[in-house]
Amino acid sequence: MTLGLGVCSSIEGKKLKLSTRKINPQPSPVVDIKSGKKVYKFKLSYDGGAEIVDSLDLNDPAVYSTSMLDIGDKIQGSSIDGWTEKVIKPNDIKVISRTGTHKGSEIEIKCRFYAHVQTEHRHHA
C-alpha cells in the first residue's frame, strides 16, 4: 500500500472508493484524450481521498505510466479529480459523518477509473 500526497500523484484500477466532504460528478460523458475512451469526470473538494479496491487485470494496461496500481494504494489532497467509465449517480453517494461539524460523502464505484491529486494539502508551519 502506497500513499500519494503530492500534486499529480495518481491511481488507476477497476474498483474505486472515494471519500471527501463533497463529490462533484459530471453527468455528461467526454472522450479522454489519452485513453480515447468515453468517460465521466468527477472532482472531489475539501480534503478528498481515493483508494484502489480492485486492481486492473494484467491484460488491461494503465493509461498513465506514473499511476499507482496496487490494491490499497491511496491518494489524498485538497482537490482530486479524475474519471470513471460509468456515471456517478448522486443517489449512490452516501452521506457520512466525518467530523463533529462536517458531513462527508463516500462512494464505491465498480468500473475502470483514473484519479489524481490536483491540489495537495496545505502544510501549516
N, C-alpha and C. Protein backbone atom coordinates (compact mmCIF):
# COMPACT_ATOMS: atom_id res chain seq x y z
N MET A 1 0.84 -1.18 0.00
CA MET A 1 0.00 0.00 0.00
C MET A 1 0.89 1.24 0.00
N THR A 2 0.62 2.12 -0.94
CA THR A 2 1.36 3.37 -1.06
C THR A 2 0.39 4.53 -0.93
N LEU A 3 0.84 5.61 -0.29
CA LEU A 3 0.02 6.80 -0.13
C LEU A 3 0.65 7.94 -0.92
N GLY A 4 -0.09 8.48 -1.91
CA GLY A 4 0.39 9.60 -2.70
C GLY A 4 -0.23 10.89 -2.21
N LEU A 5 0.60 11.86 -1.85
CA LEU A 5 0.11 13.14 -1.33
C LEU A 5 0.44 14.32 -2.23
N GLY A 6 1.43 14.17 -3.11
CA GLY A 6 1.89 15.28 -3.93
C GLY A 6 1.02 15.54 -5.14
N VAL A 7 1.15 16.74 -5.70
CA VAL A 7 0.43 17.09 -6.91
C VAL A 7 0.78 16.09 -8.01
N CYS A 8 -0.21 15.64 -8.74
CA CYS A 8 -0.12 14.68 -9.84
C CYS A 8 0.11 13.24 -9.40
N SER A 9 0.09 12.95 -8.09
CA SER A 9 0.06 11.55 -7.67
C SER A 9 -1.24 10.97 -8.20
N SER A 10 -1.19 9.75 -8.75
CA SER A 10 -2.40 9.21 -9.37
C SER A 10 -2.53 7.71 -9.12
N ILE A 11 -3.78 7.23 -9.25
CA ILE A 11 -4.09 5.81 -9.14
C ILE A 11 -5.01 5.42 -10.29
N GLU A 12 -4.95 4.13 -10.65
CA GLU A 12 -5.86 3.56 -11.65
C GLU A 12 -6.23 2.16 -11.21
N GLY A 13 -7.44 1.75 -11.53
CA GLY A 13 -7.90 0.41 -11.19
C GLY A 13 -9.27 0.15 -11.77
N LYS A 14 -9.91 -0.94 -11.27
CA LYS A 14 -11.24 -1.27 -11.77
C LYS A 14 -12.32 -1.21 -10.69
N LYS A 15 -11.95 -0.86 -9.46
CA LYS A 15 -12.93 -0.55 -8.42
C LYS A 15 -12.31 0.49 -7.50
N LEU A 16 -13.07 1.54 -7.23
CA LEU A 16 -12.56 2.73 -6.56
C LEU A 16 -13.43 3.10 -5.37
N LYS A 17 -12.79 3.58 -4.30
CA LYS A 17 -13.52 4.14 -3.16
C LYS A 17 -13.12 5.61 -3.05
N LEU A 18 -14.12 6.49 -3.08
CA LEU A 18 -13.90 7.92 -2.94
C LEU A 18 -14.48 8.37 -1.61
N SER A 19 -13.77 9.27 -0.91
CA SER A 19 -14.31 9.87 0.30
C SER A 19 -13.83 11.32 0.37
N THR A 20 -14.76 12.20 0.72
CA THR A 20 -14.47 13.63 0.75
C THR A 20 -15.64 14.35 1.40
N ARG A 21 -15.54 15.66 1.54
CA ARG A 21 -16.71 16.41 2.00
C ARG A 21 -17.73 16.57 0.90
N LYS A 22 -17.29 16.69 -0.37
CA LYS A 22 -18.24 16.87 -1.47
C LYS A 22 -17.71 16.23 -2.74
N ILE A 23 -18.51 15.34 -3.34
CA ILE A 23 -18.20 14.72 -4.62
C ILE A 23 -19.00 15.45 -5.70
N ASN A 24 -18.30 15.94 -6.71
CA ASN A 24 -18.95 16.67 -7.80
C ASN A 24 -18.82 15.86 -9.09
N PRO A 25 -19.82 15.01 -9.40
CA PRO A 25 -19.75 14.22 -10.63
C PRO A 25 -20.25 15.02 -11.83
N GLN A 26 -19.68 14.75 -12.99
CA GLN A 26 -20.14 15.36 -14.23
C GLN A 26 -21.06 14.35 -14.92
N PRO A 27 -22.32 14.70 -15.17
CA PRO A 27 -23.27 13.72 -15.72
C PRO A 27 -23.10 13.43 -17.20
N SER A 28 -22.43 14.31 -17.93
CA SER A 28 -22.28 14.12 -19.38
C SER A 28 -20.91 13.51 -19.69
N PRO A 29 -20.86 12.53 -20.57
CA PRO A 29 -19.57 11.91 -20.90
C PRO A 29 -18.72 12.80 -21.81
N VAL A 30 -17.41 12.61 -21.71
CA VAL A 30 -16.45 13.25 -22.61
C VAL A 30 -15.49 12.16 -23.07
N VAL A 31 -14.73 12.43 -24.11
CA VAL A 31 -13.72 11.47 -24.57
C VAL A 31 -12.38 11.88 -23.97
N ASP A 32 -11.78 10.95 -23.23
CA ASP A 32 -10.45 11.20 -22.66
C ASP A 32 -9.42 11.15 -23.77
N ILE A 33 -8.62 12.19 -23.90
CA ILE A 33 -7.65 12.30 -24.99
C ILE A 33 -6.61 11.18 -24.92
N LYS A 34 -6.12 10.89 -23.74
CA LYS A 34 -5.04 9.90 -23.59
C LYS A 34 -5.52 8.47 -23.86
N SER A 35 -6.70 8.10 -23.31
CA SER A 35 -7.17 6.72 -23.46
C SER A 35 -8.07 6.53 -24.68
N GLY A 36 -8.68 7.61 -25.15
CA GLY A 36 -9.62 7.51 -26.27
C GLY A 36 -10.98 6.94 -25.88
N LYS A 37 -11.22 6.78 -24.58
CA LYS A 37 -12.47 6.19 -24.10
C LYS A 37 -13.47 7.26 -23.67
N LYS A 38 -14.76 6.90 -23.72
CA LYS A 38 -15.82 7.76 -23.19
C LYS A 38 -15.79 7.64 -21.67
N VAL A 39 -15.65 8.77 -20.98
CA VAL A 39 -15.52 8.77 -19.53
C VAL A 39 -16.41 9.84 -18.91
N TYR A 40 -16.63 9.69 -17.61
CA TYR A 40 -17.39 10.67 -16.83
C TYR A 40 -16.45 11.27 -15.79
N LYS A 41 -16.24 12.56 -15.88
CA LYS A 41 -15.30 13.22 -14.98
C LYS A 41 -15.94 13.48 -13.62
N PHE A 42 -15.08 13.58 -12.60
CA PHE A 42 -15.52 13.93 -11.26
C PHE A 42 -14.46 14.79 -10.60
N LYS A 43 -14.86 15.47 -9.55
CA LYS A 43 -13.93 16.25 -8.76
C LYS A 43 -14.31 16.13 -7.30
N LEU A 44 -13.31 15.91 -6.46
CA LEU A 44 -13.50 15.87 -5.01
C LEU A 44 -12.94 17.17 -4.45
N SER A 45 -13.69 17.78 -3.57
CA SER A 45 -13.19 19.02 -2.98
C SER A 45 -13.20 18.89 -1.47
N TYR A 46 -12.51 19.76 -0.82
CA TYR A 46 -12.46 19.79 0.65
C TYR A 46 -11.87 18.51 1.24
N ASP A 47 -10.62 18.30 1.04
CA ASP A 47 -9.94 17.18 1.70
C ASP A 47 -10.44 15.82 1.22
N GLY A 48 -10.10 15.47 0.00
CA GLY A 48 -10.56 14.23 -0.60
C GLY A 48 -9.55 13.10 -0.52
N GLY A 49 -10.05 11.90 -0.72
CA GLY A 49 -9.20 10.72 -0.78
C GLY A 49 -9.78 9.71 -1.76
N ALA A 50 -8.90 8.96 -2.40
CA ALA A 50 -9.32 7.91 -3.32
C ALA A 50 -8.44 6.68 -3.08
N GLU A 51 -9.04 5.50 -3.14
CA GLU A 51 -8.32 4.25 -2.85
C GLU A 51 -8.70 3.18 -3.87
N ILE A 52 -7.71 2.39 -4.27
CA ILE A 52 -7.95 1.26 -5.17
C ILE A 52 -8.51 0.10 -4.35
N VAL A 53 -9.70 -0.36 -4.70
CA VAL A 53 -10.32 -1.51 -4.05
C VAL A 53 -10.04 -2.77 -4.86
N ASP A 54 -9.98 -2.65 -6.20
CA ASP A 54 -9.66 -3.77 -7.07
C ASP A 54 -8.76 -3.27 -8.19
N SER A 55 -7.69 -4.01 -8.45
CA SER A 55 -6.69 -3.56 -9.43
C SER A 55 -7.06 -3.97 -10.85
N LEU A 56 -6.36 -3.37 -11.80
CA LEU A 56 -6.56 -3.69 -13.21
C LEU A 56 -6.12 -5.11 -13.52
N ASP A 57 -6.72 -5.73 -14.52
CA ASP A 57 -6.27 -7.05 -14.99
C ASP A 57 -4.92 -6.90 -15.69
N LEU A 58 -4.17 -7.98 -15.76
CA LEU A 58 -2.85 -7.94 -16.38
C LEU A 58 -2.89 -7.52 -17.84
N ASN A 59 -3.96 -7.88 -18.55
CA ASN A 59 -4.06 -7.54 -19.97
C ASN A 59 -4.69 -6.16 -20.20
N ASP A 60 -4.93 -5.41 -19.12
CA ASP A 60 -5.53 -4.07 -19.20
C ASP A 60 -4.50 -3.06 -18.70
N PRO A 61 -3.67 -2.52 -19.59
CA PRO A 61 -2.59 -1.65 -19.15
C PRO A 61 -3.08 -0.31 -18.61
N ALA A 62 -2.27 0.30 -17.76
CA ALA A 62 -2.58 1.62 -17.22
C ALA A 62 -2.51 2.66 -18.32
N VAL A 63 -3.34 3.68 -18.22
CA VAL A 63 -3.33 4.78 -19.19
C VAL A 63 -2.11 5.67 -18.96
N TYR A 64 -1.76 5.89 -17.70
CA TYR A 64 -0.62 6.75 -17.35
C TYR A 64 0.45 5.89 -16.66
N SER A 65 1.67 5.98 -17.14
CA SER A 65 2.76 5.13 -16.62
C SER A 65 3.14 5.47 -15.18
N THR A 66 2.77 6.66 -14.69
CA THR A 66 3.14 7.06 -13.33
C THR A 66 2.09 6.70 -12.29
N SER A 67 0.97 6.13 -12.70
CA SER A 67 -0.11 5.80 -11.76
C SER A 67 0.26 4.63 -10.86
N MET A 68 -0.18 4.69 -9.61
CA MET A 68 -0.07 3.57 -8.69
C MET A 68 -1.20 2.60 -9.04
N LEU A 69 -0.93 1.28 -8.94
CA LEU A 69 -1.86 0.29 -9.48
C LEU A 69 -2.27 -0.82 -8.51
N ASP A 70 -1.71 -0.86 -7.31
CA ASP A 70 -1.94 -1.97 -6.39
C ASP A 70 -3.15 -1.74 -5.49
N ILE A 71 -3.83 -2.82 -5.11
CA ILE A 71 -4.94 -2.75 -4.18
C ILE A 71 -4.45 -2.10 -2.89
N GLY A 72 -5.22 -1.14 -2.39
CA GLY A 72 -4.86 -0.43 -1.17
C GLY A 72 -4.08 0.86 -1.40
N ASP A 73 -3.57 1.08 -2.61
CA ASP A 73 -2.89 2.34 -2.91
C ASP A 73 -3.89 3.47 -2.79
N LYS A 74 -3.45 4.61 -2.22
CA LYS A 74 -4.34 5.74 -1.96
C LYS A 74 -3.70 7.04 -2.40
N ILE A 75 -4.55 8.01 -2.68
CA ILE A 75 -4.10 9.38 -2.85
C ILE A 75 -4.96 10.26 -1.96
N GLN A 76 -4.38 11.37 -1.50
CA GLN A 76 -5.11 12.33 -0.68
C GLN A 76 -4.68 13.73 -1.09
N GLY A 77 -5.62 14.67 -1.03
CA GLY A 77 -5.29 16.04 -1.36
C GLY A 77 -6.46 16.97 -1.08
N SER A 78 -6.19 18.27 -1.18
CA SER A 78 -7.25 19.26 -1.02
C SER A 78 -8.24 19.17 -2.17
N SER A 79 -7.74 18.82 -3.36
CA SER A 79 -8.60 18.68 -4.52
C SER A 79 -8.11 17.50 -5.36
N ILE A 80 -9.02 16.60 -5.69
CA ILE A 80 -8.71 15.42 -6.50
C ILE A 80 -9.69 15.40 -7.66
N ASP A 81 -9.20 15.10 -8.85
CA ASP A 81 -10.11 14.93 -9.97
C ASP A 81 -9.76 13.66 -10.71
N GLY A 82 -10.61 13.29 -11.67
CA GLY A 82 -10.35 12.08 -12.44
C GLY A 82 -11.57 11.72 -13.26
N TRP A 83 -11.64 10.44 -13.65
CA TRP A 83 -12.76 9.97 -14.46
C TRP A 83 -13.07 8.51 -14.15
N THR A 84 -14.30 8.14 -14.47
CA THR A 84 -14.75 6.75 -14.39
C THR A 84 -15.42 6.40 -15.71
N GLU A 85 -15.52 5.11 -16.01
CA GLU A 85 -16.19 4.70 -17.24
C GLU A 85 -17.71 4.61 -17.09
N LYS A 86 -18.21 4.73 -15.86
CA LYS A 86 -19.66 4.75 -15.61
C LYS A 86 -19.98 6.05 -14.89
N VAL A 87 -21.19 6.55 -15.13
CA VAL A 87 -21.61 7.79 -14.49
C VAL A 87 -21.76 7.58 -12.97
N ILE A 88 -21.37 8.59 -12.21
CA ILE A 88 -21.58 8.57 -10.76
C ILE A 88 -22.95 9.19 -10.50
N LYS A 89 -23.87 8.39 -10.01
CA LYS A 89 -25.23 8.87 -9.77
C LYS A 89 -25.31 9.48 -8.37
N PRO A 90 -25.89 10.67 -8.25
CA PRO A 90 -25.98 11.31 -6.93
C PRO A 90 -26.65 10.43 -5.87
N ASN A 91 -27.60 9.61 -6.26
CA ASN A 91 -28.29 8.73 -5.29
C ASN A 91 -27.38 7.64 -4.74
N ASP A 92 -26.28 7.33 -5.44
CA ASP A 92 -25.35 6.30 -4.98
C ASP A 92 -24.33 6.83 -3.97
N ILE A 93 -24.24 8.14 -3.83
CA ILE A 93 -23.28 8.76 -2.91
C ILE A 93 -23.86 8.72 -1.49
N LYS A 94 -23.12 8.12 -0.56
CA LYS A 94 -23.56 8.02 0.83
C LYS A 94 -23.08 9.24 1.61
N VAL A 95 -23.94 9.78 2.44
CA VAL A 95 -23.56 10.87 3.34
C VAL A 95 -23.11 10.22 4.64
N ILE A 96 -21.91 10.60 5.08
CA ILE A 96 -21.32 10.02 6.30
C ILE A 96 -20.94 11.13 7.25
N SER A 97 -20.65 10.79 8.48
CA SER A 97 -20.19 11.75 9.47
C SER A 97 -18.67 11.73 9.48
N ARG A 98 -18.05 12.86 9.09
CA ARG A 98 -16.58 12.92 9.03
C ARG A 98 -15.98 13.60 10.25
N THR A 99 -16.58 14.68 10.68
CA THR A 99 -16.13 15.39 11.88
C THR A 99 -17.37 15.79 12.66
N GLY A 100 -17.16 16.44 13.79
CA GLY A 100 -18.29 16.89 14.59
C GLY A 100 -19.11 17.97 13.90
N THR A 101 -18.50 18.71 12.99
CA THR A 101 -19.19 19.82 12.36
C THR A 101 -19.47 19.62 10.87
N HIS A 102 -18.80 18.67 10.23
CA HIS A 102 -18.95 18.50 8.79
C HIS A 102 -19.37 17.08 8.43
N LYS A 103 -20.31 17.01 7.53
CA LYS A 103 -20.68 15.72 6.95
C LYS A 103 -19.74 15.45 5.79
N GLY A 104 -19.72 14.23 5.34
CA GLY A 104 -18.87 13.86 4.21
C GLY A 104 -19.64 13.02 3.22
N SER A 105 -18.97 12.69 2.13
CA SER A 105 -19.56 11.87 1.08
C SER A 105 -18.63 10.71 0.81
N GLU A 106 -19.20 9.55 0.48
CA GLU A 106 -18.40 8.35 0.20
C GLU A 106 -19.13 7.52 -0.85
N ILE A 107 -18.36 6.88 -1.72
CA ILE A 107 -18.95 6.01 -2.74
C ILE A 107 -17.90 4.99 -3.17
N GLU A 108 -18.36 3.79 -3.51
CA GLU A 108 -17.52 2.79 -4.17
C GLU A 108 -18.06 2.62 -5.58
N ILE A 109 -17.16 2.67 -6.55
CA ILE A 109 -17.54 2.59 -7.96
C ILE A 109 -16.82 1.40 -8.57
N LYS A 110 -17.59 0.51 -9.20
CA LYS A 110 -17.00 -0.69 -9.80
C LYS A 110 -16.94 -0.50 -11.32
N CYS A 111 -15.85 0.09 -11.78
CA CYS A 111 -15.57 0.27 -13.20
C CYS A 111 -14.16 0.85 -13.32
N ARG A 112 -13.64 0.87 -14.51
CA ARG A 112 -12.32 1.43 -14.78
C ARG A 112 -12.31 2.91 -14.35
N PHE A 113 -11.22 3.34 -13.69
CA PHE A 113 -11.14 4.72 -13.23
C PHE A 113 -9.70 5.22 -13.26
N TYR A 114 -9.59 6.53 -13.19
CA TYR A 114 -8.32 7.24 -13.02
C TYR A 114 -8.59 8.40 -12.07
N ALA A 115 -7.73 8.60 -11.09
CA ALA A 115 -7.86 9.72 -10.16
C ALA A 115 -6.49 10.28 -9.86
N HIS A 116 -6.40 11.61 -9.74
CA HIS A 116 -5.10 12.21 -9.41
C HIS A 116 -5.27 13.46 -8.54
N VAL A 117 -4.22 13.75 -7.78
CA VAL A 117 -4.20 14.91 -6.89
C VAL A 117 -4.00 16.16 -7.73
N GLN A 118 -4.97 17.05 -7.66
CA GLN A 118 -4.88 18.31 -8.39
C GLN A 118 -4.24 19.38 -7.51
N THR A 119 -4.61 19.42 -6.24
CA THR A 119 -4.04 20.36 -5.26
C THR A 119 -3.74 19.59 -3.99
N GLU A 120 -2.50 19.68 -3.52
CA GLU A 120 -2.14 18.95 -2.30
C GLU A 120 -2.60 19.71 -1.07
N HIS A 121 -2.56 19.02 0.07
CA HIS A 121 -2.92 19.64 1.34
C HIS A 121 -1.95 20.77 1.66
N ARG A 122 -2.47 21.82 2.26
CA ARG A 122 -1.59 22.89 2.73
C ARG A 122 -0.92 22.43 4.02
N HIS A 123 0.34 22.74 4.14
CA HIS A 123 1.08 22.40 5.36
C HIS A 123 1.27 23.67 6.17
N HIS A 124 0.80 23.63 7.40
CA HIS A 124 0.91 24.81 8.27
C HIS A 124 2.19 24.73 9.07
N ALA A 125 2.90 25.82 9.11
CA ALA A 125 4.18 25.86 9.85
C ALA A 125 3.97 26.23 11.28
